[in-house]
Amino acid sequence: MFKLLALFIALFAAQLAPRASSQDLSAEQREELRSLLTGYSVAIRDLIVDRLTPVPWQGKGACTVELTQLPGGQVIRASLSDCEFPEDIQNQVIARLETMNTPYQGFERVFRRTFTIRLR
């Protein structure tokens, strides 16, 4: 679980970097953004873990998931790559993730239309 959180934070931080240069932000603003990013990462991690609880993916290898969402948090596309999961598990993961809504309100500053996560 903690590996997944660290991975989320790293991925979101990397994806956030082009939006706001650290040179443009004060130390206080950077800390506020980092805190918001951490909260967003945790909320999405918890949501994904909850959505995938019925799917027996753990222990089946690893898989990269790219999610595309609309402002407001509606996931409109989930795609898998570099995936070691059996095909039936892949189909279940995609079906469950494409029917979820990610947190949005309060996280607008760190929202990304597309992001990538790695399930292990």
PDB file of N, CA and C in Angstrom:
ATOM      1  N   MET A   1       0.832  -1.194   0.000  1.00  0.00           N
ATOM      2  CA  MET A   1       0.000   0.000   0.000  1.00  0.00           C
ATOM      3  C   MET A   1       0.873   1.253   0.000  1.00  0.00           C
ATOM      4  N   PHE A   2       1.926   1.274   0.837  1.00  0.00           N
ATOM      5  CA  PHE A   2       2.773   2.452   0.925  1.00  0.00           C
ATOM      6  C   PHE A   2       3.580   2.645  -0.355  1.00  0.00           C
ATOM      7  N   LYS A   3       3.967   1.540  -1.018  1.00  0.00           N
ATOM      8  CA  LYS A   3       4.665   1.652  -2.294  1.00  0.00           C
ATOM      9  C   LYS A   3       3.767   2.333  -3.322  1.00  0.00           C
ATOM     10  N   LEU A   4       2.489   1.973  -3.298  1.00  0.00           N
ATOM     11  CA  LEU A   4       1.535   2.567  -4.232  1.00  0.00           C
ATOM     12  C   LEU A   4       1.388   4.055  -3.972  1.00  0.00           C
ATOM     13  N   LEU A   5       1.334   4.462  -2.696  1.00  0.00           N
ATOM     14  CA  LEU A   5       1.236   5.879  -2.360  1.00  0.00           C
ATOM     15  C   LEU A   5       2.473   6.627  -2.834  1.00  0.00           C
ATOM     16  N   ALA A   6       3.654   6.096  -2.570  1.00  0.00           N
ATOM     17  CA  ALA A   6       4.889   6.755  -3.001  1.00  0.00           C
ATOM     18  C   ALA A   6       4.926   6.880  -4.517  1.00  0.00           C
ATOM     19  N   LEU A   7       4.491   5.852  -5.204  1.00  0.00           N
ATOM     20  CA  LEU A   7       4.456   5.885  -6.656  1.00  0.00           C
ATOM     21  C   LEU A   7       3.484   6.942  -7.154  1.00  0.00           C
ATOM     22  N   PHE A   8       2.299   7.024  -6.545  1.00  0.00           N
ATOM     23  CA  PHE A   8       1.320   8.041  -6.926  1.00  0.00           C
ATOM     24  C   PHE A   8       1.905   9.433  -6.751  1.00  0.00           C
ATOM     25  N   ILE A   9       2.506   9.674  -5.603  1.00  0.00           N
ATOM     26  CA  ILE A   9       3.047  11.001  -5.323  1.00  0.00           C
ATOM     27  C   ILE A   9       4.128  11.347  -6.332  1.00  0.00           C
ATOM     28  N   ALA A  10       5.008  10.409  -6.630  1.00  0.00           N
ATOM     29  CA  ALA A  10       6.072  10.659  -7.602  1.00  0.00           C
ATOM     30  C   ALA A  10       5.497  10.932  -8.987  1.00  0.00           C
ATOM     31  N   LEU A  11       4.526  10.146  -9.402  1.00  0.00           N
ATOM     32  CA  LEU A  11       3.939  10.335 -10.727  1.00  0.00           C
ATOM     33  C   LEU A  11       3.203  11.669 -10.828  1.00  0.00           C
ATOM     34  N   PHE A  12       2.405  11.998  -9.818  1.00  0.00           N
ATOM     35  CA  PHE A  12       1.685  13.263  -9.852  1.00  0.00           C
ATOM     36  C   PHE A  12       2.640  14.439  -9.792  1.00  0.00           C
ATOM     37  N   ALA A  13       3.681  14.345  -8.986  1.00  0.00           N
ATOM     38  CA  ALA A  13       4.639  15.442  -8.885  1.00  0.00           C
ATOM     39  C   ALA A  13       5.308  15.668 -10.241  1.00  0.00           C
ATOM     40  N   ALA A  14       5.666  14.582 -10.910  1.00  0.00           N
ATOM     41  CA  ALA A  14       6.293  14.710 -12.225  1.00  0.00           C
ATOM     42  C   ALA A  14       5.322  15.304 -13.236  1.00  0.00           C
ATOM     43  N   GLN A  15       4.060  14.926 -13.155  1.00  0.00           N
ATOM     44  CA  GLN A  15       3.079  15.424 -14.101  1.00  0.00           C
ATOM     45  C   GLN A  15       2.678  16.856 -13.789  1.00  0.00           C
ATOM     46  N   LEU A  16       2.850  17.279 -12.558  1.00  0.00           N
ATOM     47  CA  LEU A  16       2.497  18.631 -12.153  1.00  0.00           C
ATOM     48  C   LEU A  16       3.585  19.627 -12.527  1.00  0.00           C
ATOM     49  N   ALA A  17       4.805  19.181 -12.610  1.00  0.00           N
ATOM     50  CA  ALA A  17       5.946  20.075 -12.809  1.00  0.00           C
ATOM     51  C   ALA A  17       5.779  21.069 -13.958  1.00  0.00           C
ATOM     52  N   PRO A  18       5.297  20.670 -15.138  1.00  0.00           N
ATOM     53  CA  PRO A  18       5.179  21.653 -16.225  1.00  0.00           C
ATOM     54  C   PRO A  18       4.174  22.770 -15.940  1.00  0.00           C
ATOM     55  N   ARG A  19       3.204  22.530 -15.079  1.00  0.00           N
ATOM     56  CA  ARG A  19       2.170  23.515 -14.837  1.00  0.00           C
ATOM     57  C   ARG A  19       2.692  24.714 -14.050  1.00  0.00           C
ATOM     58  N   ALA A  20       3.514  24.476 -13.066  1.00  0.00           N
ATOM     59  CA  ALA A  20       3.992  25.563 -12.213  1.00  0.00           C
ATOM     60  C   ALA A  20       5.464  25.367 -11.911  1.00  0.00           C
ATOM     61  N   SER A  21       6.287  26.232 -12.421  1.00  0.00           N
ATOM     62  CA  SER A  21       7.717  26.165 -12.169  1.00  0.00           C
ATOM     63  C   SER A  21       7.981  26.515 -10.713  1.00  0.00           C
ATOM     64  N   SER A  22       8.893  25.777 -10.088  1.00  0.00           N
ATOM     65  CA  SER A  22       9.199  26.054  -8.682  1.00  0.00           C
ATOM     66  C   SER A  22       9.814  27.433  -8.522  1.00  0.00           C
ATOM     67  N   GLN A  23      10.382  27.983  -9.587  1.00  0.00           N
ATOM     68  CA  GLN A  23      10.943  29.338  -9.527  1.00  0.00           C
ATOM     69  C   GLN A  23       9.842  30.385  -9.389  1.00  0.00           C
ATOM     70  N   ASP A  24       8.649  30.056  -9.850  1.00  0.00           N
ATOM     71  CA  ASP A  24       7.526  30.990  -9.818  1.00  0.00           C
ATOM     72  C   ASP A  24       6.771  30.962  -8.492  1.00  0.00           C
ATOM     73  N   LEU A  25       7.089  30.009  -7.619  1.00  0.00           N
ATOM     74  CA  LEU A  25       6.348  29.831  -6.379  1.00  0.00           C
ATOM     75  C   LEU A  25       7.219  30.103  -5.163  1.00  0.00           C
ATOM     76  N   SER A  26       6.611  30.666  -4.145  1.00  0.00           N
ATOM     77  CA  SER A  26       7.318  30.863  -2.883  1.00  0.00           C
ATOM     78  C   SER A  26       7.416  29.509  -2.177  1.00  0.00           C
ATOM     79  N   ALA A  27       8.232  29.431  -1.157  1.00  0.00           N
ATOM     80  CA  ALA A  27       8.365  28.194  -0.382  1.00  0.00           C
ATOM     81  C   ALA A  27       7.022  27.796   0.210  1.00  0.00           C
ATOM     82  N   GLU A  28       6.271  28.759   0.680  1.00  0.00           N
ATOM     83  CA  GLU A  28       4.956  28.480   1.257  1.00  0.00           C
ATOM     84  C   GLU A  28       4.002  27.930   0.194  1.00  0.00           C
ATOM     85  N   GLN A  29       4.031  28.501  -1.000  1.00  0.00           N
ATOM     86  CA  GLN A  29       3.161  28.037  -2.085  1.00  0.00           C
ATOM     87  C   GLN A  29       3.555  26.628  -2.531  1.00  0.00           C
ATOM     88  N   ARG A  30       4.870  26.373  -2.583  1.00  0.00           N
ATOM     89  CA  ARG A  30       5.331  25.028  -2.957  1.00  0.00           C
ATOM     90  C   ARG A  30       4.875  24.000  -1.931  1.00  0.00           C
ATOM     91  N   GLU A  31       4.951  24.350  -0.644  1.00  0.00           N
ATOM     92  CA  GLU A  31       4.521  23.431   0.414  1.00  0.00           C
ATOM     93  C   GLU A  31       3.012  23.205   0.342  1.00  0.00           C
ATOM     94  N   GLU A  32       2.254  24.255   0.085  1.00  0.00           N
ATOM     95  CA  GLU A  32       0.799  24.130  -0.057  1.00  0.00           C
ATOM     96  C   GLU A  32       0.455  23.224  -1.229  1.00  0.00           C
ATOM     97  N   LEU A  33       1.142  23.413  -2.346  1.00  0.00           N
ATOM     98  CA  LEU A  33       0.907  22.593  -3.528  1.00  0.00           C
ATOM     99  C   LEU A  33       1.301  21.144  -3.261  1.00  0.00           C
ATOM    100  N   ARG A  34       2.423  20.939  -2.592  1.00  0.00           N
ATOM    101  CA  ARG A  34       2.879  19.585  -2.254  1.00  0.00           C
ATOM    102  C   ARG A  34       1.847  18.895  -1.348  1.00  0.00           C
ATOM    103  N   SER A  35       1.305  19.626  -0.384  1.00  0.00           N
ATOM    104  CA  SER A  35       0.298  19.076   0.517  1.00  0.00           C
ATOM    105  C   SER A  35      -0.975  18.715  -0.250  1.00  0.00           C
ATOM    106  N   LEU A  36      -1.396  19.595  -1.143  1.00  0.00           N
ATOM    107  CA  LEU A  36      -2.579  19.335  -1.967  1.00  0.00           C
ATOM    108  C   LEU A  36      -2.345  18.116  -2.854  1.00  0.00           C
ATOM    109  N   LEU A  37      -1.181  18.029  -3.435  1.00  0.00           N
ATOM    110  CA  LEU A  37      -0.818  16.913  -4.295  1.00  0.00           C
ATOM    111  C   LEU A  37      -0.827  15.605  -3.521  1.00  0.00           C
ATOM    112  N   THR A  38      -0.298  15.629  -2.305  1.00  0.00           N
ATOM    113  CA  THR A  38      -0.303  14.435  -1.471  1.00  0.00           C
ATOM    114  C   THR A  38      -1.736  14.015  -1.146  1.00  0.00           C
ATOM    115  N   GLY A  39      -2.575  14.973  -0.784  1.00  0.00           N
ATOM    116  CA  GLY A  39      -3.978  14.667  -0.496  1.00  0.00           C
ATOM    117  C   GLY A  39      -4.695  14.091  -1.698  1.00  0.00           C
ATOM    118  N   TYR A  40      -4.434  14.655  -2.878  1.00  0.00           N
ATOM    119  CA  TYR A  40      -5.042  14.173  -4.116  1.00  0.00           C
ATOM    120  C   TYR A  40      -4.568  12.748  -4.416  1.00  0.00           C
ATOM    121  N   SER A  41      -3.268  12.524  -4.255  1.00  0.00           N
ATOM    122  CA  SER A  41      -2.695  11.206  -4.508  1.00  0.00           C
ATOM    123  C   SER A  41      -3.305  10.154  -3.589  1.00  0.00           C
ATOM    124  N   VAL A  42      -3.417  10.484  -2.315  1.00  0.00           N
ATOM    125  CA  VAL A  42      -3.996   9.552  -1.345  1.00  0.00           C
ATOM    126  C   VAL A  42      -5.455   9.271  -1.684  1.00  0.00           C
ATOM    127  N   ALA A  43      -6.221  10.301  -2.019  1.00  0.00           N
ATOM    128  CA  ALA A  43      -7.635  10.122  -2.349  1.00  0.00           C
ATOM    129  C   ALA A  43      -7.803   9.221  -3.571  1.00  0.00           C
ATOM    130  N   ILE A  44      -6.981   9.426  -4.583  1.00  0.00           N
ATOM    131  CA  ILE A  44      -7.081   8.601  -5.793  1.00  0.00           C
ATOM    132  C   ILE A  44      -6.600   7.184  -5.509  1.00  0.00           C
ATOM    133  N   ARG A  45      -5.504   7.048  -4.769  1.00  0.00           N
ATOM    134  CA  ARG A  45      -5.011   5.713  -4.417  1.00  0.00           C
ATOM    135  C   ARG A  45      -6.095   4.936  -3.688  1.00  0.00           C
ATOM    136  N   ASP A  46      -6.703   5.556  -2.677  1.00  0.00           N
ATOM    137  CA  ASP A  46      -7.737   4.879  -1.893  1.00  0.00           C
ATOM    138  C   ASP A  46      -8.924   4.487  -2.768  1.00  0.00           C
ATOM    139  N   LEU A  47      -9.299   5.364  -3.683  1.00  0.00           N
ATOM    140  CA  LEU A  47     -10.413   5.081  -4.586  1.00  0.00           C
ATOM    141  C   LEU A  47     -10.086   3.896  -5.491  1.00  0.00           C
ATOM    142  N   ILE A  48      -8.897   3.894  -6.069  1.00  0.00           N
ATOM    143  CA  ILE A  48      -8.509   2.807  -6.973  1.00  0.00           C
ATOM    144  C   ILE A  48      -8.417   1.488  -6.219  1.00  0.00           C
ATOM    145  N   VAL A  49      -7.803   1.500  -5.050  1.00  0.00           N
ATOM    146  CA  VAL A  49      -7.708   0.277  -4.249  1.00  0.00           C
ATOM    147  C   VAL A  49      -9.109  -0.242  -3.933  1.00  0.00           C
ATOM    148  N   ASP A  50     -10.012   0.656  -3.556  1.00  0.00           N
ATOM    149  CA  ASP A  50     -11.387   0.268  -3.250  1.00  0.00           C
ATOM    150  C   ASP A  50     -12.089  -0.304  -4.485  1.00  0.00           C
ATOM    151  N   ARG A  51     -11.937   0.377  -5.620  1.00  0.00           N
ATOM    152  CA  ARG A  51     -12.597  -0.082  -6.858  1.00  0.00           C
ATOM    153  C   ARG A  51     -12.080  -1.442  -7.302  1.00  0.00           C
ATOM    154  N   LEU A  52     -10.795  -1.707  -7.046  1.00  0.00           N
ATOM    155  CA  LEU A  52     -10.205  -2.954  -7.530  1.00  0.00           C
ATOM    156  C   LEU A  52     -10.203  -4.072  -6.497  1.00  0.00           C
ATOM    157  N   THR A  53     -10.744  -3.816  -5.312  1.00  0.00           N
ATOM    158  CA  THR A  53     -10.784  -4.842  -4.268  1.00  0.00           C
ATOM    159  C   THR A  53     -11.438  -6.140  -4.749  1.00  0.00           C
ATOM    160  N   PRO A  54     -12.554  -6.085  -5.487  1.00  0.00           N
ATOM    161  CA  PRO A  54     -13.174  -7.340  -5.939  1.00  0.00           C
ATOM    162  C   PRO A  54     -12.376  -8.073  -7.026  1.00  0.00           C
ATOM    163  N   VAL A  55     -11.412  -7.407  -7.636  1.00  0.00           N
ATOM    164  CA  VAL A  55     -10.642  -8.003  -8.727  1.00  0.00           C
ATOM    165  C   VAL A  55      -9.359  -8.623  -8.140  1.00  0.00           C
ATOM    166  N   PRO A  56      -9.121  -9.910  -8.381  1.00  0.00           N
ATOM    167  CA  PRO A  56      -7.952 -10.579  -7.801  1.00  0.00           C
ATOM    168  C   PRO A  56      -6.656 -10.288  -8.561  1.00  0.00           C
ATOM    169  N   TRP A  57      -6.246  -9.010  -8.626  1.00  0.00           N
ATOM    170  CA  TRP A  57      -5.054  -8.624  -9.392  1.00  0.00           C
ATOM    171  C   TRP A  57      -3.766  -8.734  -8.578  1.00  0.00           C
ATOM    172  N   GLN A  58      -3.851  -8.617  -7.267  1.00  0.00           N
ATOM    173  CA  GLN A  58      -2.637  -8.632  -6.458  1.00  0.00           C
ATOM    174  C   GLN A  58      -1.979 -10.000  -6.525  1.00  0.00           C
ATOM    175  N   GLY A  59      -0.664  -9.981  -6.685  1.00  0.00           N
ATOM    176  CA  GLY A  59       0.081 -11.216  -6.796  1.00  0.00           C
ATOM    177  C   GLY A  59       0.114 -11.780  -8.203  1.00  0.00           C
ATOM    178  N   LYS A  60      -0.466 -11.057  -9.155  1.00  0.00           N
ATOM    179  CA  LYS A  60      -0.520 -11.527 -10.547  1.00  0.00           C
ATOM    180  C   LYS A  60       0.500 -10.820 -11.430  1.00  0.00           C
ATOM    181  N   GLY A  61       1.439 -10.081 -10.823  1.00  0.00           N
ATOM    182  CA  GLY A  61       2.425  -9.339 -11.592  1.00  0.00           C
ATOM    183  C   GLY A  61       2.183  -7.850 -11.465  1.00  0.00           C
ATOM    184  N   ALA A  62       2.586  -7.130 -12.489  1.00  0.00           N
ATOM    185  CA  ALA A  62       2.460  -5.669 -12.486  1.00  0.00           C
ATOM    186  C   ALA A  62       1.782  -5.222 -13.776  1.00  0.00           C
ATOM    187  N   CYS A  63       1.286  -3.974 -13.736  1.00  0.00           N
ATOM    188  CA  CYS A  63       0.567  -3.443 -14.890  1.00  0.00           C
ATOM    189  C   CYS A  63       0.579  -1.918 -14.830  1.00  0.00           C
ATOM    190  N   THR A  64       0.849  -1.275 -15.954  1.00  0.00           N
ATOM    191  CA  THR A  64       0.780   0.174 -16.044  1.00  0.00           C
ATOM    192  C   THR A  64      -0.610   0.563 -16.534  1.00  0.00           C
ATOM    193  N   VAL A  65      -1.227   1.493 -15.826  1.00  0.00           N
ATOM    194  CA  VAL A  65      -2.581   1.938 -16.149  1.00  0.00           C
ATOM    195  C   VAL A  65      -2.537   3.422 -16.479  1.00  0.00           C
ATOM    196  N   GLU A  66      -3.085   3.796 -17.615  1.00  0.00           N
ATOM    197  CA  GLU A  66      -3.236   5.208 -17.961  1.00  0.00           C
ATOM    198  C   GLU A  66      -4.718   5.537 -17.901  1.00  0.00           C
ATOM    199  N   LEU A  67      -5.055   6.550 -17.097  1.00  0.00           N
ATOM    200  CA  LEU A  67      -6.439   6.994 -16.961  1.00  0.00           C
ATOM    201  C   LEU A  67      -6.602   8.359 -17.596  1.00  0.00           C
ATOM    202  N   THR A  68      -7.668   8.531 -18.340  1.00  0.00           N
ATOM    203  CA  THR A  68      -8.034   9.824 -18.905  1.00  0.00           C
ATOM    204  C   THR A  68      -9.359  10.218 -18.276  1.00  0.00           C
ATOM    205  N   GLN A  69      -9.414  11.450 -17.779  1.00  0.00           N
ATOM    206  CA  GLN A  69     -10.613  11.909 -17.077  1.00  0.00           C
ATOM    207  C   GLN A  69     -10.988  13.305 -17.531  1.00  0.00           C
ATOM    208  N   LEU A  70     -12.228  13.628 -17.284  1.00  0.00           N
ATOM    209  CA  LEU A  70     -12.743  14.961 -17.579  1.00  0.00           C
ATOM    210  C   LEU A  70     -12.646  15.830 -16.330  1.00  0.00           C
ATOM    211  N   PRO A  71     -12.580  17.152 -16.499  1.00  0.00           N
ATOM    212  CA  PRO A  71     -12.709  18.016 -15.325  1.00  0.00           C
ATOM    213  C   PRO A  71     -14.021  17.630 -14.618  1.00  0.00           C
ATOM    214  N   GLY A  72     -13.945  17.471 -13.345  1.00  0.00           N
ATOM    215  CA  GLY A  72     -15.078  16.948 -12.591  1.00  0.00           C
ATOM    216  C   GLY A  72     -14.775  15.541 -12.098  1.00  0.00           C
ATOM    217  N   GLY A  73     -13.800  14.871 -12.739  1.00  0.00           N
ATOM    218  CA  GLY A  73     -13.323  13.584 -12.267  1.00  0.00           C
ATOM    219  C   GLY A  73     -13.846  12.345 -12.961  1.00  0.00           C
ATOM    220  N   GLN A  74     -14.732  12.485 -13.944  1.00  0.00           N
ATOM    221  CA  GLN A  74     -15.259  11.305 -14.627  1.00  0.00           C
ATOM    222  C   GLN A  74     -14.174  10.663 -15.485  1.00  0.00           C
ATOM    223  N   VAL A  75     -13.860   9.403 -15.197  1.00  0.00           N
ATOM    224  CA  VAL A  75     -12.885   8.664 -15.999  1.00  0.00           C
ATOM    225  C   VAL A  75     -13.567   8.259 -17.294  1.00  0.00           C
ATOM    226  N   ILE A  76     -12.947   8.621 -18.410  1.00  0.00           N
ATOM    227  CA  ILE A  76     -13.542   8.298 -19.709  1.00  0.00           C
ATOM    228  C   ILE A  76     -12.751   7.225 -20.454  1.00  0.00           C
ATOM    229  N   ARG A  77     -11.550   6.922 -19.952  1.00  0.00           N
ATOM    230  CA  ARG A  77     -10.748   5.901 -20.624  1.00  0.00           C
ATOM    231  C   ARG A  77      -9.730   5.338 -19.654  1.00  0.00           C
ATOM    232  N   ALA A  78      -9.600   4.028 -19.653  1.00  0.00           N
ATOM    233  CA  ALA A  78      -8.538   3.349 -18.914  1.00  0.00           C
ATOM    234  C   ALA A  78      -7.860   2.414 -19.900  1.00  0.00           C
ATOM    235  N   SER A  79      -6.558   2.510 -19.997  1.00  0.00           N
ATOM    236  CA  SER A  79      -5.830   1.604 -20.881  1.00  0.00           C
ATOM    237  C   SER A  79      -4.662   1.005 -20.115  1.00  0.00           C
ATOM    238  N   LEU A  80      -4.283  -0.206 -20.502  1.00  0.00           N
ATOM    239  CA  LEU A  80      -3.215  -0.931 -19.832  1.00  0.00           C
ATOM    240  C   LEU A  80      -2.053  -1.147 -20.795  1.00  0.00           C
ATOM    241  N   SER A  81      -0.859  -1.110 -20.235  1.00  0.00           N
ATOM    242  CA  SER A  81       0.327  -1.427 -21.028  1.00  0.00           C
ATOM    243  C   SER A  81       1.326  -2.128 -20.115  1.00  0.00           C
ATOM    244  N   ASP A  82       2.284  -2.783 -20.721  1.00  0.00           N
ATOM    245  CA  ASP A  82       3.306  -3.493 -19.954  1.00  0.00           C
ATOM    246  C   ASP A  82       2.636  -4.268 -18.826  1.00  0.00           C
ATOM    247  N   CYS A  83       1.613  -5.042 -19.190  1.00  0.00           N
ATOM    248  CA  CYS A  83       0.753  -5.673 -18.199  1.00  0.00           C
ATOM    249  C   CYS A  83       0.975  -7.183 -18.155  1.00  0.00           C
ATOM    250  N   GLU A  84       1.249  -7.676 -16.950  1.00  0.00           N
ATOM    251  CA  GLU A  84       1.477  -9.098 -16.724  1.00  0.00           C
ATOM    252  C   GLU A  84       0.215  -9.823 -16.267  1.00  0.00           C
ATOM    253  N   PHE A  85      -0.875  -9.081 -16.045  1.00  0.00           N
ATOM    254  CA  PHE A  85      -2.114  -9.699 -15.570  1.00  0.00           C
ATOM    255  C   PHE A  85      -2.706 -10.576 -16.669  1.00  0.00           C
ATOM    256  N   PRO A  86      -3.383 -11.661 -16.285  1.00  0.00           N
ATOM    257  CA  PRO A  86      -4.113 -12.450 -17.278  1.00  0.00           C
ATOM    258  C   PRO A  86      -5.187 -11.571 -17.945  1.00  0.00           C
ATOM    259  N   GLU A  87      -5.579 -11.940 -19.139  1.00  0.00           N
ATOM    260  CA  GLU A  87      -6.523 -11.125 -19.916  1.00  0.00           C
ATOM    261  C   GLU A  87      -7.841 -10.880 -19.182  1.00  0.00           C
ATOM    262  N   ASP A  88      -8.369 -11.891 -18.499  1.00  0.00           N
ATOM    263  CA  ASP A  88      -9.640 -11.695 -17.793  1.00  0.00           C
ATOM    264  C   ASP A  88      -9.493 -10.661 -16.675  1.00  0.00           C
ATOM    265  N   ILE A  89      -8.364 -10.644 -16.002  1.00  0.00           N
ATOM    266  CA  ILE A  89      -8.117  -9.652 -14.940  1.00  0.00           C
ATOM    267  C   ILE A  89      -7.953  -8.266 -15.580  1.00  0.00           C
ATOM    268  N   GLN A  90      -7.247  -8.182 -16.696  1.00  0.00           N
ATOM    269  CA  GLN A  90      -7.090  -6.909 -17.391  1.00  0.00           C
ATOM    270  C   GLN A  90      -8.456  -6.323 -17.741  1.00  0.00           C
ATOM    271  N   ASN A  91      -9.334  -7.161 -18.274  1.00  0.00           N
ATOM    272  CA  ASN A  91     -10.672  -6.697 -18.645  1.00  0.00           C
ATOM    273  C   ASN A  91     -11.454  -6.201 -17.432  1.00  0.00           C
ATOM    274  N   GLN A  92     -11.322  -6.888 -16.306  1.00  0.00           N
ATOM    275  CA  GLN A  92     -12.010  -6.465 -15.083  1.00  0.00           C
ATOM    276  C   GLN A  92     -11.463  -5.131 -14.573  1.00  0.00           C
ATOM    277  N   VAL A  93     -10.146  -4.975 -14.623  1.00  0.00           N
ATOM    278  CA  VAL A  93      -9.518  -3.724 -14.164  1.00  0.00           C
ATOM    279  C   VAL A  93     -10.027  -2.554 -15.010  1.00  0.00           C
ATOM    280  N   ILE A  94      -9.996  -2.716 -16.319  1.00  0.00           N
ATOM    281  CA  ILE A  94     -10.456  -1.650 -17.217  1.00  0.00           C
ATOM    282  C   ILE A  94     -11.925  -1.325 -16.941  1.00  0.00           C
ATOM    283  N   ALA A  95     -12.760  -2.338 -16.845  1.00  0.00           N
ATOM    284  CA  ALA A  95     -14.197  -2.116 -16.634  1.00  0.00           C
ATOM    285  C   ALA A  95     -14.458  -1.375 -15.322  1.00  0.00           C
ATOM    286  N   ARG A  96     -13.768  -1.737 -14.276  1.00  0.00           N
ATOM    287  CA  ARG A  96     -13.993  -1.104 -12.974  1.00  0.00           C
ATOM    288  C   ARG A  96     -13.469   0.328 -12.945  1.00  0.00           C
ATOM    289  N   LEU A  97     -12.325   0.571 -13.583  1.00  0.00           N
ATOM    290  CA  LEU A  97     -11.754   1.922 -13.554  1.00  0.00           C
ATOM    291  C   LEU A  97     -12.500   2.876 -14.479  1.00  0.00           C
ATOM    292  N   GLU A  98     -13.038   2.380 -15.573  1.00  0.00           N
ATOM    293  CA  GLU A  98     -13.757   3.255 -16.508  1.00  0.00           C
ATOM    294  C   GLU A  98     -15.124   3.684 -15.987  1.00  0.00           C
ATOM    295  N   THR A  99     -15.560   3.120 -14.893  1.00  0.00           N
ATOM    296  CA  THR A  99     -16.861   3.508 -14.336  1.00  0.00           C
ATOM    297  C   THR A  99     -16.714   4.296 -13.041  1.00  0.00           C
ATOM    298  N   MET A 100     -15.533   4.830 -12.785  1.00  0.00           N
ATOM    299  CA  MET A 100     -15.346   5.572 -11.535  1.00  0.00           C
ATOM    300  C   MET A 100     -15.204   7.067 -11.794  1.00  0.00           C
ATOM    301  N   ASN A 101     -15.410   7.810 -10.751  1.00  0.00           N
ATOM    302  CA  ASN A 101     -15.166   9.249 -10.759  1.00  0.00           C
ATOM    303  C   ASN A 101     -14.079   9.533  -9.736  1.00  0.00           C
ATOM    304  N   THR A 102     -13.057  10.237 -10.146  1.00  0.00           N
ATOM    305  CA  THR A 102     -11.974  10.587  -9.225  1.00  0.00           C
ATOM    306  C   THR A 102     -12.331  11.881  -8.497  1.00  0.00           C
ATOM    307  N   PRO A 103     -11.679  12.127  -7.363  1.00  0.00           N
ATOM    308  CA  PRO A 103     -11.925  13.382  -6.644  1.00  0.00           C
ATOM    309  C   PRO A 103     -11.555  14.572  -7.534  1.00  0.00           C
ATOM    310  N   TYR A 104     -12.321  15.620  -7.460  1.00  0.00           N
ATOM    311  CA  TYR A 104     -12.020  16.819  -8.249  1.00  0.00           C
ATOM    312  C   TYR A 104     -12.166  18.091  -7.415  1.00  0.00           C
ATOM    313  N   GLN A 105     -13.324  18.254  -6.800  1.00  0.00           N
ATOM    314  CA  GLN A 105     -13.567  19.485  -6.042  1.00  0.00           C
ATOM    315  C   GLN A 105     -12.528  19.632  -4.935  1.00  0.00           C
ATOM    316  N   GLY A 106     -11.882  20.784  -4.932  1.00  0.00           N
ATOM    317  CA  GLY A 106     -10.826  21.062  -3.972  1.00  0.00           C
ATOM    318  C   GLY A 106      -9.442  20.710  -4.490  1.00  0.00           C
ATOM    319  N   PHE A 107      -9.382  19.940  -5.574  1.00  0.00           N
ATOM    320  CA  PHE A 107      -8.101  19.520  -6.142  1.00  0.00           C
ATOM    321  C   PHE A 107      -7.873  20.094  -7.548  1.00  0.00           C
ATOM    322  N   GLU A 108      -8.624  21.104  -7.910  1.00  0.00           N
ATOM    323  CA  GLU A 108      -8.549  21.655  -9.259  1.00  0.00           C
ATOM    324  C   GLU A 108      -7.126  22.076  -9.630  1.00  0.00           C
ATOM    325  N   ARG A 109      -6.373  22.592  -8.674  1.00  0.00           N
ATOM    326  CA  ARG A 109      -5.013  23.077  -8.963  1.00  0.00           C
ATOM    327  C   ARG A 109      -4.055  21.958  -9.361  1.00  0.00           C
ATOM    328  N   VAL A 110      -4.317  20.727  -8.924  1.00  0.00           N
ATOM    329  CA  VAL A 110      -3.423  19.621  -9.247  1.00  0.00           C
ATOM    330  C   VAL A 110      -4.065  18.614 -10.206  1.00  0.00           C
ATOM    331  N   PHE A 111      -5.240  18.938 -10.712  1.00  0.00           N
ATOM    332  CA  PHE A 111      -5.943  18.058 -11.643  1.00  0.00           C
ATOM    333  C   PHE A 111      -5.115  17.860 -12.912  1.00  0.00           C
ATOM    334  N   ARG A 112      -5.094  16.646 -13.372  1.00  0.00           N
ATOM    335  CA  ARG A 112      -4.497  16.305 -14.660  1.00  0.00           C
ATOM    336  C   ARG A 112      -5.503  15.476 -15.436  1.00  0.00           C
ATOM    337  N   ARG A 113      -5.683  15.802 -16.698  1.00  0.00           N
ATOM    338  CA  ARG A 113      -6.623  15.065 -17.535  1.00  0.00           C
ATOM    339  C   ARG A 113      -6.177  13.616 -17.709  1.00  0.00           C
ATOM    340  N   THR A 114      -4.892  13.395 -17.827  1.00  0.00           N
ATOM    341  CA  THR A 114      -4.358  12.050 -18.017  1.00  0.00           C
ATOM    342  C   THR A 114      -3.258  11.802 -16.992  1.00  0.00           C
ATOM    343  N   PHE A 115      -3.291  10.650 -16.376  1.00  0.00           N
ATOM    344  CA  PHE A 115      -2.201  10.265 -15.496  1.00  0.00           C
ATOM    345  C   PHE A 115      -1.977   8.766 -15.566  1.00  0.00           C
ATOM    346  N   THR A 116      -0.799   8.368 -15.149  1.00  0.00           N
ATOM    347  CA  THR A 116      -0.370   6.989 -15.226  1.00  0.00           C
ATOM    348  C   THR A 116      -0.036   6.476 -13.833  1.00  0.00           C
ATOM    349  N   ILE A 117      -0.457   5.253 -13.569  1.00  0.00           N
ATOM    350  CA  ILE A 117      -0.117   4.596 -12.315  1.00  0.00           C
ATOM    351  C   ILE A 117       0.421   3.196 -12.629  1.00  0.00           C
ATOM    352  N   ARG A 118       1.101   2.626 -11.685  1.00  0.00           N
ATOM    353  CA  ARG A 118       1.626   1.258 -11.840  1.00  0.00           C
ATOM    354  C   ARG A 118       1.059   0.406 -10.721  1.00  0.00           C
ATOM    355  N   LEU A 119       0.352  -0.637 -11.075  1.00  0.00           N
ATOM    356  CA  LEU A 119      -0.180  -1.579 -10.095  1.00  0.00           C
ATOM    357  C   LEU A 119       0.810  -2.730  -9.952  1.00  0.00           C
ATOM    358  N   ARG A 120       1.111  -3.066  -8.678  1.00  0.00           N
ATOM    359  CA  ARG A 120       1.997  -4.215  -8.405  1.00  0.00           C
ATOM    360  C   ARG A 120       1.467  -4.980  -7.234  1.00  0.00           C
TER     361      ARG A 120
END
